[in-house]
PDB file of N, CA and C in Angstrom:
ATOM      1  N   MET A   1     -16.719   5.236   6.923  1.00  0.00           N
ATOM      2  CA  MET A   1     -15.521   6.010   7.126  1.00  0.00           C
ATOM      3  C   MET A   1     -14.377   5.058   7.451  1.00  0.00           C
ATOM      4  N   PHE A   2     -13.206   5.402   6.951  1.00  0.00           N
ATOM      5  CA  PHE A   2     -11.992   4.636   7.209  1.00  0.00           C
ATOM      6  C   PHE A   2     -11.052   5.487   8.050  1.00  0.00           C
ATOM      7  N   ALA A   3     -10.444   4.892   9.042  1.00  0.00           N
ATOM      8  CA  ALA A   3      -9.431   5.580   9.848  1.00  0.00           C
ATOM      9  C   ALA A   3      -8.292   4.604  10.096  1.00  0.00           C
ATOM     10  N   GLY A   4      -7.083   5.086   9.970  1.00  0.00           N
ATOM     11  CA  GLY A   4      -5.936   4.216  10.178  1.00  0.00           C
ATOM     12  C   GLY A   4      -4.671   5.026  10.346  1.00  0.00           C
ATOM     13  N   LYS A   5      -3.577   4.323  10.406  1.00  0.00           N
ATOM     14  CA  LYS A   5      -2.276   4.959  10.567  1.00  0.00           C
ATOM     15  C   LYS A   5      -1.376   4.493   9.432  1.00  0.00           C
ATOM     16  N   MET A   6      -0.751   5.439   8.745  1.00  0.00           N
ATOM     17  CA  MET A   6       0.147   5.120   7.656  1.00  0.00           C
ATOM     18  C   MET A   6       1.573   5.386   8.133  1.00  0.00           C
ATOM     19  N   THR A   7       2.459   4.416   7.917  1.00  0.00           N
ATOM     20  CA  THR A   7       3.858   4.576   8.283  1.00  0.00           C
ATOM     21  C   THR A   7       4.708   4.361   7.042  1.00  0.00           C
ATOM     22  N   ILE A   8       5.600   5.296   6.778  1.00  0.00           N
ATOM     23  CA  ILE A   8       6.506   5.208   5.640  1.00  0.00           C
ATOM     24  C   ILE A   8       7.905   4.935   6.176  1.00  0.00           C
ATOM     25  N   PHE A   9       8.518   3.880   5.674  1.00  0.00           N
ATOM     26  CA  PHE A   9       9.872   3.519   6.069  1.00  0.00           C
ATOM     27  C   PHE A   9      10.823   3.889   4.943  1.00  0.00           C
ATOM     28  N   VAL A  10      11.824   4.714   5.244  1.00  0.00           N
ATOM     29  CA  VAL A  10      12.825   5.135   4.269  1.00  0.00           C
ATOM     30  C   VAL A  10      14.188   4.698   4.785  1.00  0.00           C
ATOM     31  N   GLU A  11      14.942   4.053   3.937  1.00  0.00           N
ATOM     32  CA  GLU A  11      16.258   3.570   4.338  1.00  0.00           C
ATOM     33  C   GLU A  11      17.139   4.728   4.803  1.00  0.00           C
ATOM     34  N   TYR A  12      17.805   4.528   5.918  1.00  0.00           N
ATOM     35  CA  TYR A  12      18.725   5.493   6.528  1.00  0.00           C
ATOM     36  C   TYR A  12      18.023   6.739   7.074  1.00  0.00           C
ATOM     37  N   ARG A  13      16.736   6.687   7.287  1.00  0.00           N
ATOM     38  CA  ARG A  13      15.978   7.812   7.848  1.00  0.00           C
ATOM     39  C   ARG A  13      15.022   7.275   8.902  1.00  0.00           C
ATOM     40  N   ALA A  14      14.553   8.159   9.766  1.00  0.00           N
ATOM     41  CA  ALA A  14      13.529   7.773  10.736  1.00  0.00           C
ATOM     42  C   ALA A  14      12.207   7.543   9.998  1.00  0.00           C
ATOM     43  N   SER A  15      11.398   6.627  10.488  1.00  0.00           N
ATOM     44  CA  SER A  15      10.105   6.375   9.850  1.00  0.00           C
ATOM     45  C   SER A  15       9.182   7.579  10.071  1.00  0.00           C
ATOM     46  N   ILE A  16       8.243   7.741   9.163  1.00  0.00           N
ATOM     47  CA  ILE A  16       7.276   8.842   9.222  1.00  0.00           C
ATOM     48  C   ILE A  16       5.899   8.222   9.393  1.00  0.00           C
ATOM     49  N   SER A  17       5.174   8.611  10.447  1.00  0.00           N
ATOM     50  CA  SER A  17       3.835   8.078  10.697  1.00  0.00           C
ATOM     51  C   SER A  17       2.820   9.202  10.665  1.00  0.00           C
ATOM     52  N   SER A  18       1.629   8.878  10.184  1.00  0.00           N
ATOM     53  CA  SER A  18       0.564   9.877  10.113  1.00  0.00           C
ATOM     54  C   SER A  18      -0.786   9.178  10.244  1.00  0.00           C
ATOM     55  N   GLU A  19      -1.671   9.773  11.018  1.00  0.00           N
ATOM     56  CA  GLU A  19      -3.037   9.265  11.106  1.00  0.00           C
ATOM     57  C   GLU A  19      -3.780   9.703   9.838  1.00  0.00           C
ATOM     58  N   ILE A  20      -4.559   8.803   9.259  1.00  0.00           N
ATOM     59  CA  ILE A  20      -5.318   9.150   8.063  1.00  0.00           C
ATOM     60  C   ILE A  20      -6.776   8.762   8.248  1.00  0.00           C
ATOM     61  N   THR A  21      -7.654   9.538   7.656  1.00  0.00           N
ATOM     62  CA  THR A  21      -9.081   9.224   7.633  1.00  0.00           C
ATOM     63  C   THR A  21      -9.609   9.502   6.234  1.00  0.00           C
ATOM     64  N   ALA A  22     -10.634   8.780   5.865  1.00  0.00           N
ATOM     65  CA  ALA A  22     -11.255   8.970   4.558  1.00  0.00           C
ATOM     66  C   ALA A  22     -12.737   8.642   4.672  1.00  0.00           C
ATOM     67  N   LYS A  23     -13.525   9.349   3.904  1.00  0.00           N
ATOM     68  CA  LYS A  23     -14.951   9.024   3.836  1.00  0.00           C
ATOM     69  C   LYS A  23     -15.457   9.318   2.440  1.00  0.00           C
ATOM     70  N   GLY A  24     -16.511   8.669   2.075  1.00  0.00           N
ATOM     71  CA  GLY A  24     -17.090   8.876   0.758  1.00  0.00           C
ATOM     72  C   GLY A  24     -17.733   7.612   0.245  1.00  0.00           C
ATOM     73  N   ASN A  25     -18.119   7.651  -1.000  1.00  0.00           N
ATOM     74  CA  ASN A  25     -18.746   6.507  -1.655  1.00  0.00           C
ATOM     75  C   ASN A  25     -17.712   5.826  -2.524  1.00  0.00           C
ATOM     76  N   ALA A  26     -17.741   4.515  -2.554  1.00  0.00           N
ATOM     77  CA  ALA A  26     -16.761   3.765  -3.335  1.00  0.00           C
ATOM     78  C   ALA A  26     -17.458   2.729  -4.194  1.00  0.00           C
ATOM     79  N   THR A  27     -16.809   2.374  -5.255  1.00  0.00           N
ATOM     80  CA  THR A  27     -17.288   1.336  -6.148  1.00  0.00           C
ATOM     81  C   THR A  27     -16.188   0.307  -6.306  1.00  0.00           C
ATOM     82  N   ALA A  28     -16.527  -0.947  -6.230  1.00  0.00           N
ATOM     83  CA  ALA A  28     -15.533  -2.008  -6.377  1.00  0.00           C
ATOM     84  C   ALA A  28     -15.027  -2.065  -7.813  1.00  0.00           C
ATOM     85  N   LEU A  29     -13.751  -2.365  -7.961  1.00  0.00           N
ATOM     86  CA  LEU A  29     -13.160  -2.564  -9.280  1.00  0.00           C
ATOM     87  C   LEU A  29     -13.263  -4.039  -9.633  1.00  0.00           C
ATOM     88  N   VAL A  30     -13.615  -4.323 -10.862  1.00  0.00           N
ATOM     89  CA  VAL A  30     -13.705  -5.700 -11.324  1.00  0.00           C
ATOM     90  C   VAL A  30     -12.672  -5.877 -12.428  1.00  0.00           C
ATOM     91  N   SER A  31     -11.711  -6.744 -12.171  1.00  0.00           N
ATOM     92  CA  SER A  31     -10.629  -6.965 -13.126  1.00  0.00           C
ATOM     93  C   SER A  31     -11.122  -7.760 -14.329  1.00  0.00           C
ATOM     94  N   SER A  32     -10.598  -7.411 -15.498  1.00  0.00           N
ATOM     95  CA  SER A  32     -10.967  -8.147 -16.709  1.00  0.00           C
ATOM     96  C   SER A  32     -10.038  -9.338 -16.939  1.00  0.00           C
ATOM     97  N   ILE A  33      -8.966  -9.448 -16.130  1.00  0.00           N
ATOM     98  CA  ILE A  33      -8.064 -10.589 -16.214  1.00  0.00           C
ATOM     99  C   ILE A  33      -7.968 -11.230 -14.837  1.00  0.00           C
ATOM    100  N   LYS A  34      -7.433 -12.435 -14.780  1.00  0.00           N
ATOM    101  CA  LYS A  34      -7.280 -13.125 -13.502  1.00  0.00           C
ATOM    102  C   LYS A  34      -6.263 -12.387 -12.642  1.00  0.00           C
ATOM    103  N   MET A  35      -6.584 -12.202 -11.372  1.00  0.00           N
ATOM    104  CA  MET A  35      -5.689 -11.486 -10.464  1.00  0.00           C
ATOM    105  C   MET A  35      -4.364 -12.219 -10.286  1.00  0.00           C
ATOM    106  N   SER A  36      -4.356 -13.539 -10.470  1.00  0.00           N
ATOM    107  CA  SER A  36      -3.114 -14.303 -10.332  1.00  0.00           C
ATOM    108  C   SER A  36      -2.136 -14.004 -11.472  1.00  0.00           C
ATOM    109  N   GLU A  37      -2.624 -13.399 -12.554  1.00  0.00           N
ATOM    110  CA  GLU A  37      -1.754 -13.046 -13.674  1.00  0.00           C
ATOM    111  C   GLU A  37      -1.037 -11.716 -13.450  1.00  0.00           C
ATOM    112  N   ILE A  38      -1.460 -10.947 -12.453  1.00  0.00           N
ATOM    113  CA  ILE A  38      -0.854  -9.646 -12.177  1.00  0.00           C
ATOM    114  C   ILE A  38       0.343  -9.844 -11.266  1.00  0.00           C
ATOM    115  N   ASP A  39       1.499  -9.363 -11.686  1.00  0.00           N
ATOM    116  CA  ASP A  39       2.720  -9.502 -10.889  1.00  0.00           C
ATOM    117  C   ASP A  39       3.528  -8.214 -11.042  1.00  0.00           C
ATOM    118  N   PHE A  40       3.515  -7.382 -10.005  1.00  0.00           N
ATOM    119  CA  PHE A  40       4.266  -6.134 -10.044  1.00  0.00           C
ATOM    120  C   PHE A  40       5.718  -6.325  -9.613  1.00  0.00           C
ATOM    121  N   ASP A  41       6.045  -7.533  -9.140  1.00  0.00           N
ATOM    122  CA  ASP A  41       7.381  -7.849  -8.654  1.00  0.00           C
ATOM    123  C   ASP A  41       7.793  -6.812  -7.617  1.00  0.00           C
ATOM    124  N   HIS A  42       8.995  -6.336  -7.642  1.00  0.00           N
ATOM    125  CA  HIS A  42       9.470  -5.358  -6.663  1.00  0.00           C
ATOM    126  C   HIS A  42       9.474  -3.980  -7.328  1.00  0.00           C
ATOM    127  N   VAL A  43       8.334  -3.325  -7.351  1.00  0.00           N
ATOM    128  CA  VAL A  43       8.191  -2.061  -8.063  1.00  0.00           C
ATOM    129  C   VAL A  43       9.013  -0.956  -7.417  1.00  0.00           C
ATOM    130  N   PHE A  44       8.970  -0.818  -6.111  1.00  0.00           N
ATOM    131  CA  PHE A  44       9.631   0.288  -5.440  1.00  0.00           C
ATOM    132  C   PHE A  44      10.975  -0.084  -4.823  1.00  0.00           C
ATOM    133  N   THR A  45      11.296  -1.346  -4.765  1.00  0.00           N
ATOM    134  CA  THR A  45      12.561  -1.775  -4.164  1.00  0.00           C
ATOM    135  C   THR A  45      13.207  -2.832  -5.034  1.00  0.00           C
ATOM    136  N   VAL A  46      14.474  -2.991  -4.882  1.00  0.00           N
ATOM    137  CA  VAL A  46      15.167  -4.055  -5.605  1.00  0.00           C
ATOM    138  C   VAL A  46      15.269  -5.310  -4.758  1.00  0.00           C
ATOM    139  N   GLU A  47      14.906  -5.193  -3.462  1.00  0.00           N
ATOM    140  CA  GLU A  47      14.920  -6.326  -2.570  1.00  0.00           C
ATOM    141  C   GLU A  47      13.544  -6.482  -1.935  1.00  0.00           C
ATOM    142  N   PRO A  48      13.091  -7.711  -1.741  1.00  0.00           N
ATOM    143  CA  PRO A  48      11.783  -7.897  -1.096  1.00  0.00           C
ATOM    144  C   PRO A  48      11.804  -7.339   0.335  1.00  0.00           C
ATOM    145  N   MET A  49      10.713  -6.727   0.724  1.00  0.00           N
ATOM    146  CA  MET A  49      10.593  -6.156   2.067  1.00  0.00           C
ATOM    147  C   MET A  49       9.534  -6.932   2.826  1.00  0.00           C
ATOM    148  N   ALA A  50       9.648  -6.937   4.135  1.00  0.00           N
ATOM    149  CA  ALA A  50       8.658  -7.610   4.990  1.00  0.00           C
ATOM    150  C   ALA A  50       8.180  -6.632   6.052  1.00  0.00           C
ATOM    151  N   PRO A  51       6.924  -6.759   6.478  1.00  0.00           N
ATOM    152  CA  PRO A  51       6.424  -5.883   7.542  1.00  0.00           C
ATOM    153  C   PRO A  51       7.259  -6.045   8.798  1.00  0.00           C
ATOM    154  N   ARG A  52       7.417  -4.946   9.524  1.00  0.00           N
ATOM    155  CA  ARG A  52       8.192  -4.998  10.777  1.00  0.00           C
ATOM    156  C   ARG A  52       7.307  -5.350  11.940  1.00  0.00           C
TER     157      ARG A  52
END
């Protein structure tokens, strides 16, 4: 079982936090290409973000 806290930061708004839990069976994903070749760049933002 996994338990954690998810926090969403939205510009010009208060952050939203929620406790989350998950359980079940999982299977690892195996990439067919090198992981170093994957680059999503800034998918959701135009500026790099850093953890607070």
